Amino acid sequence: MAQNKVLIEVKNLKKYFNVGPGATLKAVDNVSFNLMKGETLGLVGESGCGKTTCGRTVMGLYPATDGEVLYDGVNIHKLKGKDKKDFTRKAQIIFQDPYASLNPRMTVGNIIGEGIDIHNLYTGQEKTDRIYKLLELVGLNKEHASRFPHEFSGGQRQRIGIARALAIEPEFIVCDEPISALDVSIQAQVVNLLIKLQKELGLTYLFIAHDLSMVKHISDRVGVMYLGTMVELAASGDLYAEPLHPYTQALLSAIPIPDVKVAKERQRIMLEGEVPSPINPKPGCRFAARCRYAKAICLEQSPELKEVKPNHFVACHIVK
């Protein structure tokens, strides 16, 4: 459960990529949000909306083009040397692809123990015991420590990735689409494991995904991104019960409903038009070209993310 302490403040974060002469890809453009200690903030949106780039910039894996990421009040993008190493112990990442993120030439024990060695946390039998404990924590056993990644299923590999992230006792974990490469039958197991570990260890998550049902299940709050911008941010229950931004409404209308009768009565909002390019985007709201409510101001002026209801933020000229 989230505490009242702000752990991470993201202020006007920008991450641009130079993709050719005069061409700038604005992957993350002026995004702001806070993360409370012990909270899970879900980040959702279509492929290419910038959510993974945002997560990696928050982690410090990408340098920020502009803006700040404050961790306990300290800007992580200005850290160097020992201070940066200390931060990397507090913040870890679980990658999307469990097949590509584990070194095939290393045993599971060595993979999990690598961070322990880097930060000089344990040696000898203490280190071995720590690795065994981590394996058991994620639903594996100590016999798995001597095996190689190719001997495991996708779900087991992701559990190894989680154990590796937990090895150095972090406070904050970026979960970068940790279930998208897994079978549906395994996805719920991994998400439930993350929830269990959060309760036991007091972890804070930035959970990036495009599976909206799973995000609702794990998140305290949800942020919706569209073409590098944050268009809506609210408590999970509020956002799913009453989405205010036209893009969020369309996104949530696509979630499958197991009740056939309810599904037939629900109206799916179909978005028309092409997704604009994030390279040198035009002025105005990024969603305007596909929005059925768009007015002249939407094409001219970019909307600010503002609080329209208590703790419910929307970037839209139409929503008051």
Protein backbone atom coordinates (compact mmCIF):
# COMPACT_ATOMS: atom_id res chain seq x y z
CA MET A 1 0.00 0.00 0.00
CA ALA A 2 1.23 3.47 -0.93
CA GLN A 3 2.58 5.65 1.86
CA ASN A 4 2.35 9.45 2.04
CA LYS A 5 6.01 9.96 1.18
CA VAL A 6 6.86 11.00 -2.38
CA LEU A 7 9.69 8.76 -3.60
CA ILE A 8 10.01 9.96 -7.20
CA GLU A 9 9.13 13.28 -8.80
CA VAL A 10 9.18 13.50 -12.59
CA LYS A 11 9.10 17.14 -13.69
CA ASN A 12 8.61 18.20 -17.32
CA LEU A 13 10.66 15.24 -18.52
CA LYS A 14 11.73 15.23 -22.16
CA LYS A 15 13.61 12.60 -24.11
CA TYR A 16 14.31 13.42 -27.76
CA PHE A 17 16.24 11.40 -30.33
CA ASN A 18 17.98 12.93 -33.34
CA VAL A 19 16.88 10.67 -36.23
CA GLY A 20 18.30 12.58 -39.17
CA PRO A 21 19.05 16.07 -40.51
CA GLY A 22 16.48 18.39 -38.97
CA ALA A 23 14.41 15.45 -37.67
CA THR A 24 13.75 15.03 -33.94
CA LEU A 25 11.80 12.12 -32.49
CA LYS A 26 10.01 13.44 -29.39
CA ALA A 27 9.61 10.11 -27.58
CA VAL A 28 8.81 11.71 -24.21
CA ASP A 29 7.64 15.32 -24.31
CA ASN A 30 7.03 17.30 -21.14
CA VAL A 31 5.78 14.47 -18.91
CA SER A 32 5.24 15.05 -15.16
CA PHE A 33 4.07 12.74 -12.37
CA ASN A 34 4.91 11.65 -8.82
CA LEU A 35 5.34 8.18 -7.39
CA MET A 36 4.56 7.57 -3.73
CA LYS A 37 6.61 5.10 -1.68
CA GLY A 38 5.01 1.64 -1.81
CA GLU A 39 2.76 2.58 -4.74
CA THR A 40 2.28 1.01 -8.16
CA LEU A 41 1.80 3.50 -10.98
CA GLY A 42 0.65 1.87 -14.21
CA LEU A 43 1.74 3.47 -17.50
CA VAL A 44 -0.36 2.52 -20.53
CA GLY A 45 -0.80 3.49 -24.17
CA GLU A 46 -0.41 2.19 -27.71
CA SER A 47 2.88 0.80 -28.95
CA GLY A 48 5.21 3.68 -29.74
CA CYS A 49 3.59 6.11 -27.27
CA GLY A 50 6.86 6.50 -25.32
CA LYS A 51 6.03 4.60 -22.13
CA THR A 52 9.12 2.34 -22.24
CA THR A 53 11.39 5.31 -23.08
CA CYS A 54 9.82 7.20 -20.18
CA GLY A 55 10.51 4.28 -17.81
CA ARG A 56 14.11 3.94 -18.92
CA THR A 57 14.72 7.69 -18.62
CA VAL A 58 13.22 7.68 -15.12
CA MET A 59 15.65 4.84 -14.29
CA GLY A 60 18.58 6.80 -15.71
CA LEU A 61 19.29 4.30 -18.51
CA TYR A 62 18.70 7.13 -21.00
CA PRO A 63 19.97 10.67 -20.32
CA ALA A 64 17.14 13.20 -20.16
CA THR A 65 16.95 15.83 -22.90
CA ASP A 66 15.32 18.21 -20.43
CA GLY A 67 13.39 18.16 -17.17
CA GLU A 68 14.17 16.41 -13.90
CA VAL A 69 13.77 13.04 -12.21
CA LEU A 70 14.07 13.52 -8.45
CA TYR A 71 14.61 10.45 -6.26
CA ASP A 72 14.27 11.37 -2.59
CA GLY A 73 14.72 14.97 -3.73
CA VAL A 74 17.95 14.35 -5.69
CA ASN A 75 18.13 14.71 -9.50
CA ILE A 76 19.33 11.29 -10.69
CA HIS A 77 20.55 12.64 -14.03
CA LYS A 78 23.21 14.70 -12.26
CA LEU A 79 24.60 11.82 -10.20
CA LYS A 80 28.16 10.65 -10.85
CA GLY A 81 30.57 8.08 -9.47
CA LYS A 82 29.67 6.57 -6.10
CA ASP A 83 26.38 8.51 -5.88
CA LYS A 84 25.22 7.04 -9.20
CA LYS A 85 26.25 3.55 -8.10
CA ASP A 86 24.30 4.00 -4.87
CA PHE A 87 21.22 4.99 -6.88
CA THR A 88 21.49 1.91 -9.11
CA ARG A 89 21.24 -0.21 -5.99
CA LYS A 90 17.98 1.50 -5.03
CA ALA A 91 16.41 1.29 -8.50
CA GLN A 92 16.21 -1.78 -10.74
CA ILE A 93 14.38 -2.84 -13.91
CA ILE A 94 12.60 -5.99 -15.08
CA PHE A 95 12.88 -6.17 -18.86
CA GLN A 96 10.18 -7.07 -21.34
CA ASP A 97 11.80 -10.04 -23.05
CA PRO A 98 12.85 -12.82 -20.66
CA TYR A 99 14.69 -14.56 -23.51
CA ALA A 100 16.90 -11.61 -24.48
CA SER A 101 17.52 -10.16 -21.01
CA LEU A 102 19.39 -13.14 -19.51
CA ASN A 103 22.97 -13.95 -20.53
CA PRO A 104 22.82 -17.45 -22.08
CA ARG A 105 26.44 -18.19 -21.07
CA MET A 106 25.88 -17.57 -17.36
CA THR A 107 24.24 -19.88 -14.85
CA VAL A 108 21.16 -18.63 -13.04
CA GLY A 109 23.20 -18.34 -9.84
CA ASN A 110 25.77 -16.13 -11.55
CA ILE A 111 23.05 -14.00 -13.18
CA ILE A 112 21.37 -13.32 -9.84
CA GLY A 113 24.70 -12.92 -8.02
CA GLU A 114 26.18 -10.40 -10.48
CA GLY A 115 24.57 -7.37 -8.79
CA ILE A 116 25.51 -8.72 -5.36
CA ASP A 117 29.17 -8.78 -6.48
CA ILE A 118 29.05 -5.30 -8.03
CA HIS A 119 27.74 -3.76 -4.81
CA ASN A 120 29.83 -5.98 -2.50
CA LEU A 121 26.79 -7.04 -0.48
CA TYR A 122 27.56 -10.68 0.30
CA THR A 123 30.40 -13.15 -0.25
CA GLY A 124 30.94 -16.88 0.16
CA GLN A 125 28.18 -18.88 1.82
CA GLU A 126 26.17 -15.74 2.63
CA LYS A 127 25.98 -14.94 -1.07
CA THR A 128 24.98 -18.52 -1.95
CA ASP A 129 22.27 -18.48 0.72
CA ARG A 130 21.00 -15.14 -0.59
CA ILE A 131 20.71 -16.56 -4.14
CA TYR A 132 18.86 -19.65 -2.88
CA LYS A 133 16.49 -17.48 -0.85
CA LEU A 134 15.75 -15.27 -3.88
CA LEU A 135 15.00 -18.31 -6.04
CA GLU A 136 12.55 -19.60 -3.44
CA LEU A 137 11.02 -16.14 -3.12
CA VAL A 138 10.07 -16.13 -6.82
CA GLY A 139 8.76 -19.70 -6.85
CA LEU A 140 11.88 -21.58 -8.01
CA ASN A 141 14.30 -23.72 -5.96
CA LYS A 142 18.01 -23.82 -5.22
CA GLU A 143 18.67 -26.64 -7.72
CA HIS A 144 17.89 -24.12 -10.48
CA ALA A 145 20.96 -22.02 -9.56
CA SER A 146 23.34 -24.28 -11.49
CA ARG A 147 21.25 -24.35 -14.68
CA PHE A 148 21.42 -22.10 -17.75
CA PRO A 149 18.61 -19.84 -19.09
CA HIS A 150 17.84 -22.07 -22.09
CA GLU A 151 16.68 -24.80 -19.71
CA PHE A 152 13.71 -22.71 -18.53
CA SER A 153 10.31 -21.68 -19.86
CA GLY A 154 9.42 -18.04 -20.52
CA GLY A 155 7.58 -17.72 -17.22
CA GLN A 156 10.48 -19.22 -15.29
CA ARG A 157 12.94 -16.90 -17.04
CA GLN A 158 10.89 -13.88 -16.05
CA ARG A 159 10.94 -15.13 -12.45
CA ILE A 160 14.75 -15.29 -12.73
CA GLY A 161 14.70 -11.70 -14.03
CA ILE A 162 12.63 -10.67 -11.01
CA ALA A 163 15.05 -12.46 -8.65
CA ARG A 164 17.96 -10.63 -10.30
CA ALA A 165 16.19 -7.27 -9.80
CA LEU A 166 15.54 -8.10 -6.13
CA ALA A 167 19.09 -9.35 -5.44
CA ILE A 168 20.45 -5.98 -4.29
CA GLU A 169 17.39 -5.10 -2.19
CA PRO A 170 16.06 -2.16 -4.25
CA GLU A 171 13.27 0.23 -3.22
CA PHE A 172 12.00 0.99 -6.73
CA ILE A 173 11.51 -1.28 -9.75
CA VAL A 174 10.55 -0.34 -13.30
CA CYS A 175 8.52 -3.24 -14.69
CA ASP A 176 8.91 -2.74 -18.46
CA GLU A 177 6.07 -4.80 -19.96
CA PRO A 178 7.15 -7.81 -17.86
CA ILE A 179 4.25 -10.01 -19.00
CA SER A 180 3.81 -9.14 -22.70
CA ALA A 181 6.14 -11.91 -23.93
CA LEU A 182 4.52 -14.58 -21.72
CA ASP A 183 1.66 -17.01 -22.31
CA VAL A 184 -1.69 -15.76 -20.99
CA SER A 185 -1.77 -18.61 -18.46
CA ILE A 186 1.55 -17.40 -16.98
CA GLN A 187 0.85 -13.64 -17.01
CA ALA A 188 -1.45 -13.66 -13.96
CA GLN A 189 1.08 -15.76 -12.01
CA VAL A 190 3.85 -13.21 -12.61
CA VAL A 191 1.61 -10.23 -11.77
CA ASN A 192 0.39 -11.92 -8.57
CA LEU A 193 4.02 -12.63 -7.67
CA LEU A 194 4.89 -8.94 -8.12
CA ILE A 195 1.94 -7.93 -5.90
CA LYS A 196 3.02 -10.45 -3.23
CA LEU A 197 6.64 -9.23 -3.29
CA GLN A 198 5.52 -5.61 -3.07
CA LYS A 199 3.54 -6.32 0.10
CA GLU A 200 6.37 -8.33 1.67
CA LEU A 201 9.25 -6.01 0.74
CA GLY A 202 7.58 -2.58 0.54
CA LEU A 203 8.53 -2.06 -3.11
CA THR A 204 7.50 0.81 -5.37
CA TYR A 205 6.66 -0.05 -9.01
CA LEU A 206 6.38 1.82 -12.28
CA PHE A 207 4.42 -0.85 -14.18
CA ILE A 208 4.53 -0.34 -17.97
CA ALA A 209 2.10 -2.41 -20.06
CA HIS A 210 -0.50 -2.33 -22.80
CA ASP A 211 -2.71 -5.00 -21.20
CA LEU A 212 -5.28 -2.71 -19.60
CA SER A 213 -6.99 -5.45 -17.58
CA MET A 214 -3.73 -6.45 -15.91
CA VAL A 215 -2.79 -2.82 -15.25
CA LYS A 216 -6.13 -2.31 -13.46
CA HIS A 217 -5.40 -5.38 -11.32
CA ILE A 218 -1.95 -4.28 -10.11
CA SER A 219 -1.99 -0.45 -10.15
CA ASP A 220 -2.94 2.11 -7.50
CA ARG A 221 -2.91 4.88 -10.11
CA VAL A 222 -2.75 4.81 -13.90
CA GLY A 223 -1.17 7.24 -16.36
CA VAL A 224 -2.22 7.19 -20.02
CA MET A 225 0.35 8.24 -22.62
CA TYR A 226 -0.22 9.24 -26.23
CA LEU A 227 2.62 10.10 -28.61
CA GLY A 228 5.06 11.08 -25.89
CA THR A 229 2.63 13.06 -23.74
CA MET A 230 0.63 12.22 -20.60
CA VAL A 231 -3.05 12.72 -21.43
CA GLU A 232 -4.70 11.41 -18.23
CA LEU A 233 -3.59 10.43 -14.73
CA ALA A 234 -5.89 9.18 -11.98
CA ALA A 235 -6.53 6.54 -9.35
CA SER A 236 -7.05 3.18 -11.04
CA GLY A 237 -10.69 2.83 -9.93
CA ASP A 238 -11.57 6.40 -11.03
CA LEU A 239 -9.89 6.10 -14.41
CA TYR A 240 -11.57 2.81 -15.33
CA ALA A 241 -14.99 3.88 -13.98
CA GLU A 242 -14.99 7.35 -15.54
CA PRO A 243 -12.32 7.99 -18.19
CA LEU A 244 -12.41 11.67 -19.17
CA HIS A 245 -9.94 12.04 -22.05
CA PRO A 246 -11.34 10.94 -25.44
CA TYR A 247 -8.27 8.75 -26.06
CA THR A 248 -8.63 6.99 -22.70
CA GLN A 249 -12.32 6.40 -23.43
CA ALA A 250 -11.45 4.76 -26.75
CA LEU A 251 -8.66 2.73 -25.18
CA LEU A 252 -10.84 1.35 -22.37
CA SER A 253 -13.74 0.60 -24.72
CA ALA A 254 -11.49 -2.01 -26.39
CA ILE A 255 -11.00 -4.11 -23.23
CA PRO A 256 -12.61 -7.54 -23.72
CA ILE A 257 -15.54 -8.28 -21.37
CA PRO A 258 -16.22 -11.93 -20.44
CA ASP A 259 -19.98 -11.31 -20.10
CA VAL A 260 -21.39 -11.67 -23.65
CA LYS A 261 -24.57 -9.72 -22.90
CA VAL A 262 -22.68 -6.75 -21.43
CA ALA A 263 -20.15 -6.87 -24.27
CA LYS A 264 -22.94 -6.66 -26.89
CA GLU A 265 -24.52 -3.65 -25.17
CA ARG A 266 -21.25 -1.77 -24.83
CA GLN A 267 -20.33 0.61 -27.63
CA ARG A 268 -16.80 0.32 -28.94
CA ILE A 269 -15.24 3.69 -29.74
CA MET A 270 -13.40 3.36 -33.05
CA LEU A 271 -10.63 5.86 -33.68
CA GLU A 272 -10.35 7.13 -37.24
CA GLY A 273 -7.42 8.65 -39.04
CA GLU A 274 -3.71 7.91 -39.01
CA VAL A 275 -1.54 8.13 -35.92
CA PRO A 276 0.58 11.27 -36.39
CA SER A 277 4.35 10.92 -36.52
CA PRO A 278 6.22 11.74 -33.29
CA ILE A 279 9.01 13.16 -35.49
CA ASN A 280 8.73 16.96 -35.52
CA PRO A 281 5.07 16.89 -34.36
CA LYS A 282 2.72 19.71 -35.33
CA PRO A 283 1.59 22.31 -32.78
CA GLY A 284 -1.51 21.61 -30.73
CA CYS A 285 -2.87 18.47 -29.13
CA ARG A 286 -1.20 15.29 -30.45
CA PHE A 287 -4.57 13.50 -30.43
CA ALA A 288 -6.53 16.22 -32.27
CA ALA A 289 -6.31 14.55 -35.70
CA ARG A 290 -8.16 11.46 -34.39
CA CYS A 291 -10.48 13.13 -31.86
CA ARG A 292 -14.20 13.39 -32.63
CA TYR A 293 -14.51 16.41 -30.31
CA ALA A 294 -11.57 18.44 -31.67
CA LYS A 295 -11.99 22.22 -31.98
CA ALA A 296 -9.81 24.93 -33.50
CA ILE A 297 -7.90 25.48 -30.25
CA CYS A 298 -6.92 21.78 -30.20
CA LEU A 299 -5.01 22.22 -33.47
CA GLU A 300 -3.23 25.34 -32.29
CA GLN A 301 -2.43 24.96 -28.60
CA SER A 302 -1.06 21.99 -26.67
CA PRO A 303 -3.25 21.32 -23.59
CA GLU A 304 -1.70 21.22 -20.12
CA LEU A 305 -2.23 18.32 -17.72
CA LYS A 306 -4.58 19.88 -15.15
CA GLU A 307 -6.59 18.63 -12.18
CA VAL A 308 -10.27 18.55 -13.24
CA LYS A 309 -11.47 16.44 -10.27
CA PRO A 310 -9.70 15.61 -7.00
CA ASN A 311 -6.51 13.71 -7.96
CA HIS A 312 -7.78 13.23 -11.53
CA PHE A 313 -5.61 15.00 -14.12
CA VAL A 314 -6.46 15.43 -17.82
CA ALA A 315 -4.70 17.17 -20.72
CA CYS A 316 -7.65 18.20 -22.89
CA HIS A 317 -9.18 21.52 -23.97
CA ILE A 318 -12.65 19.95 -24.08
CA VAL A 319 -12.69 18.49 -20.56
CA LYS A 320 -13.45 21.15 -17.93
